[in-house]
Amino acid sequence: MIAKLTPAERSELLPTLPEWAVDEGRDGITRKFAFADFVEAFGFMTRVALLAEKADHHPEWSNLYNRVEILLTTHDAGGLSRRDVDLARAIDALI
């Protein structure tokens, strides 16, 4: 079973993701990305999709032309887990 982050883990891990914001209502983390155009945004989404599939952890996201918004939360854990932090770091490495 996947566990939610404890308060201590949140205090330790979330500051390592300065570009991500906590979404209290969804108990997850979000980040907005902007690209030059739709093709760049779609290419980014494709790279994220490959990472997510490999990790068996899939984001909630939306795309509007050159913008991509990602929400990471672990439904099986009922909120934010280490899987979300790990995927956020992998996504950040793409930028």
Protein backbone atom coordinates (compact mmCIF):
# COMPACT_ATOMS: atom_id res chain seq x y z
CA MET A 1 0.00 0.00 0.00
CA ILE A 2 1.16 3.52 -0.80
CA ALA A 3 1.27 5.87 2.18
CA LYS A 4 0.48 9.57 2.31
CA LEU A 5 3.34 11.82 3.29
CA THR A 6 3.53 12.49 7.00
CA PRO A 7 3.72 16.10 8.18
CA ALA A 8 7.46 15.63 8.79
CA GLU A 9 7.98 14.27 5.26
CA ARG A 10 6.00 17.18 3.81
CA SER A 11 8.20 19.65 5.70
CA GLU A 12 11.31 17.93 4.39
CA LEU A 13 10.32 17.19 0.79
CA LEU A 14 8.07 20.02 -0.41
CA PRO A 15 10.73 22.75 -0.08
CA THR A 16 12.81 20.72 -2.56
CA LEU A 17 10.12 21.46 -5.19
CA PRO A 18 10.08 25.28 -5.26
CA GLU A 19 8.21 25.51 -8.60
CA TRP A 20 5.33 23.36 -7.32
CA ALA A 21 2.44 24.70 -5.25
CA VAL A 22 0.46 22.74 -2.70
CA ASP A 23 -3.20 22.26 -3.57
CA GLU A 24 -4.77 21.81 -0.14
CA GLY A 25 -8.21 21.00 -1.54
CA ARG A 26 -6.91 18.09 -3.60
CA ASP A 27 -4.02 17.19 -1.25
CA GLY A 28 -1.59 17.36 -4.12
CA ILE A 29 0.95 19.55 -5.82
CA THR A 30 0.50 21.59 -8.98
CA ARG A 31 2.69 23.33 -11.49
CA LYS A 32 1.96 25.44 -14.56
CA PHE A 33 4.21 25.34 -17.61
CA ALA A 34 4.31 27.67 -20.62
CA PHE A 35 5.97 26.89 -23.94
CA ALA A 36 6.56 28.72 -27.20
CA ASP A 37 3.67 26.97 -28.95
CA PHE A 38 1.38 23.95 -29.02
CA VAL A 39 3.99 21.63 -30.52
CA GLU A 40 6.43 22.30 -27.67
CA ALA A 41 3.68 21.83 -25.09
CA PHE A 42 2.55 18.57 -26.69
CA GLY A 43 6.14 17.33 -26.91
CA PHE A 44 6.57 18.03 -23.19
CA MET A 45 3.35 16.17 -22.43
CA THR A 46 4.58 13.20 -24.45
CA ARG A 47 7.83 13.08 -22.46
CA VAL A 48 5.88 13.33 -19.18
CA ALA A 49 3.54 10.57 -20.35
CA LEU A 50 6.50 8.25 -20.91
CA LEU A 51 7.87 9.02 -17.43
CA ALA A 52 4.46 8.52 -15.85
CA GLU A 53 3.86 5.23 -17.61
CA LYS A 54 7.26 3.92 -16.53
CA ALA A 55 6.53 4.96 -12.92
CA ASP A 56 2.94 3.63 -13.16
CA HIS A 57 1.84 6.96 -11.71
CA HIS A 58 -0.24 9.23 -13.91
CA PRO A 59 -0.84 12.96 -13.51
CA GLU A 60 -4.04 14.88 -13.81
CA TRP A 61 -3.36 17.56 -16.36
CA SER A 62 -4.77 19.98 -18.84
CA ASN A 63 -3.42 21.62 -21.97
CA LEU A 64 -4.52 24.80 -23.69
CA TYR A 65 -2.39 25.69 -26.70
CA ASN A 66 1.05 26.43 -25.20
CA ARG A 67 0.15 25.92 -21.53
CA VAL A 68 0.19 22.73 -19.49
CA GLU A 69 -1.04 22.42 -15.91
CA ILE A 70 -0.21 19.33 -13.89
CA LEU A 71 -1.67 18.09 -10.61
CA LEU A 72 0.04 15.23 -8.82
CA THR A 73 -1.78 13.35 -6.06
CA THR A 74 -1.94 9.66 -5.23
CA HIS A 75 -5.53 8.46 -5.22
CA ASP A 76 -4.57 5.08 -3.71
CA ALA A 77 -2.98 6.89 -0.74
CA GLY A 78 -5.76 9.45 -0.39
CA GLY A 79 -3.41 12.36 -1.04
CA LEU A 80 0.17 13.42 -1.52
CA SER A 81 2.76 10.62 -1.48
CA ARG A 82 6.43 10.11 -2.21
CA ARG A 83 5.40 8.95 -5.71
CA ASP A 84 4.15 12.47 -6.41
CA VAL A 85 7.40 14.02 -5.22
CA ASP A 86 9.45 11.59 -7.30
CA LEU A 87 7.40 12.25 -10.44
CA ALA A 88 7.56 16.02 -9.87
CA ARG A 89 11.36 15.79 -9.69
CA ALA A 90 11.45 13.74 -12.90
CA ILE A 91 9.20 16.29 -14.64
CA ASP A 92 11.38 19.15 -13.43
CA ALA A 93 14.42 17.39 -14.91
CA LEU A 94 12.77 17.62 -18.36
CA ILE A 95 12.75 21.42 -18.26
